[in-house]
Structures are given as structure tokens and as C-alpha cells.
Amino acid sequence: MPKIGLVVSDFNYDITSMMHRKAEEHADLLGLEHHSV
């Protein structure tokens, strides 16, 4: 299974948290393994 890493800033948390959530949803749709640290 392909893997990707997501890096998200705490700056502008309201915006970046939505972007992070959408990226995770899209990664799931594509069948990618992802982890948040």
C-alpha cells in the first residue's frame, strides 16, 4: 500500500485543520496509508 506524509501547520488552525481533514479523506479515497504526527 502506498504511503504519504501530511504536514500541517498550527498557524491559521481553522483553515489548516479543514485542509488536513480533506487531505485525509482524499487519501482514504485513493487507498493511501497516512499518519499524522
PDB file of N, CA and C in Angstrom:
ATOM      1  N   MET A   1       0.842  -1.172   0.000  1.00  0.00           N
ATOM      2  CA  MET A   1       0.000   0.000   0.000  1.00  0.00           C
ATOM      3  C   MET A   1       0.895   1.246   0.000  1.00  0.00           C
ATOM      4  N   PRO A   2       0.663   2.182  -0.908  1.00  0.00           N
ATOM      5  CA  PRO A   2       1.442   3.422  -0.913  1.00  0.00           C
ATOM      6  C   PRO A   2       1.221   4.226   0.364  1.00  0.00           C
ATOM      7  N   LYS A   3       2.253   4.946   0.760  1.00  0.00           N
ATOM      8  CA  LYS A   3       2.182   5.755   1.977  1.00  0.00           C
ATOM      9  C   LYS A   3       2.477   7.207   1.640  1.00  0.00           C
ATOM     10  N   ILE A   4       1.830   8.120   2.358  1.00  0.00           N
ATOM     11  CA  ILE A   4       2.132   9.540   2.230  1.00  0.00           C
ATOM     12  C   ILE A   4       2.241  10.141   3.621  1.00  0.00           C
ATOM     13  N   GLY A   5       2.911  11.261   3.706  1.00  0.00           N
ATOM     14  CA  GLY A   5       3.005  12.001   4.959  1.00  0.00           C
ATOM     15  C   GLY A   5       2.294  13.331   4.804  1.00  0.00           C
ATOM     16  N   LEU A   6       1.564  13.723   5.814  1.00  0.00           N
ATOM     17  CA  LEU A   6       0.871  15.009   5.804  1.00  0.00           C
ATOM     18  C   LEU A   6       1.514  15.917   6.840  1.00  0.00           C
ATOM     19  N   VAL A   7       1.873  17.099   6.419  1.00  0.00           N
ATOM     20  CA  VAL A   7       2.455  18.085   7.326  1.00  0.00           C
ATOM     21  C   VAL A   7       1.509  19.271   7.360  1.00  0.00           C
ATOM     22  N   VAL A   8       1.042  19.609   8.557  1.00  0.00           N
ATOM     23  CA  VAL A   8       0.060  20.684   8.704  1.00  0.00           C
ATOM     24  C   VAL A   8       0.527  21.645   9.783  1.00  0.00           C
ATOM     25  N   SER A   9       0.456  22.913   9.480  1.00  0.00           N
ATOM     26  CA  SER A   9       0.871  23.958  10.414  1.00  0.00           C
ATOM     27  C   SER A   9      -0.254  24.280  11.398  1.00  0.00           C
ATOM     28  N   ASP A  10       0.115  24.736  12.589  1.00  0.00           N
ATOM     29  CA  ASP A  10      -0.876  25.226  13.545  1.00  0.00           C
ATOM     30  C   ASP A  10      -1.271  26.666  13.248  1.00  0.00           C
ATOM     31  N   PHE A  11      -0.487  27.342  12.401  1.00  0.00           N
ATOM     32  CA  PHE A  11      -0.804  28.715  12.015  1.00  0.00           C
ATOM     33  C   PHE A  11      -2.103  28.707  11.212  1.00  0.00           C
ATOM     34  N   ASN A  12      -3.025  29.598  11.517  1.00  0.00           N
ATOM     35  CA  ASN A  12      -4.357  29.637  10.885  1.00  0.00           C
ATOM     36  C   ASN A  12      -5.059  28.288  11.046  1.00  0.00           C
ATOM     37  N   TYR A  13      -5.109  27.808  12.270  1.00  0.00           N
ATOM     38  CA  TYR A  13      -5.616  26.468  12.574  1.00  0.00           C
ATOM     39  C   TYR A  13      -6.996  26.205  11.973  1.00  0.00           C
ATOM     40  N   ASP A  14      -7.872  27.197  11.983  1.00  0.00           N
ATOM     41  CA  ASP A  14      -9.221  26.990  11.444  1.00  0.00           C
ATOM     42  C   ASP A  14      -9.179  26.559   9.981  1.00  0.00           C
ATOM     43  N   ILE A  15      -8.271  27.123   9.237  1.00  0.00           N
ATOM     44  CA  ILE A  15      -8.157  26.796   7.813  1.00  0.00           C
ATOM     45  C   ILE A  15      -7.354  25.515   7.607  1.00  0.00           C
ATOM     46  N   THR A  16      -6.192  25.426   8.264  1.00  0.00           N
ATOM     47  CA  THR A  16      -5.326  24.266   8.025  1.00  0.00           C
ATOM     48  C   THR A  16      -5.942  22.970   8.543  1.00  0.00           C
ATOM     49  N   SER A  17      -6.756  23.043   9.596  1.00  0.00           N
ATOM     50  CA  SER A  17      -7.398  21.819  10.093  1.00  0.00           C
ATOM     51  C   SER A  17      -8.405  21.287   9.075  1.00  0.00           C
ATOM     52  N   MET A  18      -9.121  22.191   8.395  1.00  0.00           N
ATOM     53  CA  MET A  18     -10.050  21.754   7.346  1.00  0.00           C
ATOM     54  C   MET A  18      -9.285  21.141   6.174  1.00  0.00           C
ATOM     55  N   MET A  19      -8.158  21.763   5.815  1.00  0.00           N
ATOM     56  CA  MET A  19      -7.339  21.232   4.724  1.00  0.00           C
ATOM     57  C   MET A  19      -6.802  19.847   5.082  1.00  0.00           C
ATOM     58  N   HIS A  20      -6.393  19.674   6.332  1.00  0.00           N
ATOM     59  CA  HIS A  20      -5.880  18.383   6.801  1.00  0.00           C
ATOM     60  C   HIS A  20      -6.968  17.315   6.721  1.00  0.00           C
ATOM     61  N   ARG A  21      -8.150  17.661   7.187  1.00  0.00           N
ATOM     62  CA  ARG A  21      -9.268  16.717   7.160  1.00  0.00           C
ATOM     63  C   ARG A  21      -9.588  16.301   5.720  1.00  0.00           C
ATOM     64  N   LYS A  22      -9.629  17.268   4.802  1.00  0.00           N
ATOM     65  CA  LYS A  22      -9.909  16.965   3.393  1.00  0.00           C
ATOM     66  C   LYS A  22      -8.801  16.097   2.784  1.00  0.00           C
ATOM     67  N   ALA A  23      -7.548  16.379   3.131  1.00  0.00           N
ATOM     68  CA  ALA A  23      -6.429  15.585   2.611  1.00  0.00           C
ATOM     69  C   ALA A  23      -6.526  14.141   3.088  1.00  0.00           C
ATOM     70  N   GLU A  24      -6.893  13.944   4.358  1.00  0.00           N
ATOM     71  CA  GLU A  24      -7.051  12.583   4.877  1.00  0.00           C
ATOM     72  C   GLU A  24      -8.194  11.862   4.173  1.00  0.00           C
ATOM     73  N   GLU A  25      -9.310  12.560   3.952  1.00  0.00           N
ATOM     74  CA  GLU A  25     -10.447  11.951   3.256  1.00  0.00           C
ATOM     75  C   GLU A  25     -10.048  11.539   1.836  1.00  0.00           C
ATOM     76  N   HIS A  26      -9.307  12.390   1.157  1.00  0.00           N
ATOM     77  CA  HIS A  26      -8.892  12.091  -0.213  1.00  0.00           C
ATOM     78  C   HIS A  26      -7.890  10.936  -0.237  1.00  0.00           C
ATOM     79  N   ALA A  27      -6.989  10.917   0.727  1.00  0.00           N
ATOM     80  CA  ALA A  27      -6.027   9.813   0.816  1.00  0.00           C
ATOM     81  C   ALA A  27      -6.763   8.490   1.044  1.00  0.00           C
ATOM     82  N   ASP A  28      -7.771   8.507   1.896  1.00  0.00           N
ATOM     83  CA  ASP A  28      -8.570   7.301   2.124  1.00  0.00           C
ATOM     84  C   ASP A  28      -9.264   6.865   0.838  1.00  0.00           C
ATOM     85  N   LEU A  29      -9.801   7.828   0.100  1.00  0.00           N
ATOM     86  CA  LEU A  29     -10.479   7.534  -1.162  1.00  0.00           C
ATOM     87  C   LEU A  29      -9.528   6.866  -2.158  1.00  0.00           C
ATOM     88  N   LEU A  30      -8.272   7.301  -2.152  1.00  0.00           N
ATOM     89  CA  LEU A  30      -7.269   6.739  -3.062  1.00  0.00           C
ATOM     90  C   LEU A  30      -6.621   5.467  -2.526  1.00  0.00           C
ATOM     91  N   GLY A  31      -6.956   5.092  -1.290  1.00  0.00           N
ATOM     92  CA  GLY A  31      -6.396   3.880  -0.703  1.00  0.00           C
ATOM     93  C   GLY A  31      -4.973   4.049  -0.221  1.00  0.00           C
ATOM     94  N   LEU A  32      -4.602   5.265   0.169  1.00  0.00           N
ATOM     95  CA  LEU A  32      -3.249   5.535   0.651  1.00  0.00           C
ATOM     96  C   LEU A  32      -3.192   5.422   2.162  1.00  0.00           C
ATOM     97  N   GLU A  33      -2.058   4.960   2.654  1.00  0.00           N
ATOM     98  CA  GLU A  33      -1.830   4.916   4.100  1.00  0.00           C
ATOM     99  C   GLU A  33      -1.248   6.258   4.517  1.00  0.00           C
ATOM    100  N   HIS A  34      -1.798   6.850   5.574  1.00  0.00           N
ATOM    101  CA  HIS A  34      -1.305   8.149   6.037  1.00  0.00           C
ATOM    102  C   HIS A  34      -1.289   8.180   7.553  1.00  0.00           C
ATOM    103  N   HIS A  35      -0.372   8.975   8.078  1.00  0.00           N
ATOM    104  CA  HIS A  35      -0.236   9.127   9.526  1.00  0.00           C
ATOM    105  C   HIS A  35      -0.043  10.594   9.855  1.00  0.00           C
ATOM    106  N   SER A  36      -0.606  10.993  10.969  1.00  0.00           N
ATOM    107  CA  SER A  36      -0.404  12.353  11.472  1.00  0.00           C
ATOM    108  C   SER A  36       0.483  12.279  12.702  1.00  0.00           C
ATOM    109  N   VAL A  37       1.418  13.181  12.781  1.00  0.00           N
ATOM    110  CA  VAL A  37       2.348  13.206  13.911  1.00  0.00           C
ATOM    111  C   VAL A  37       2.218  14.539  14.611  1.00  0.00           C
TER     112      VAL A  37
END
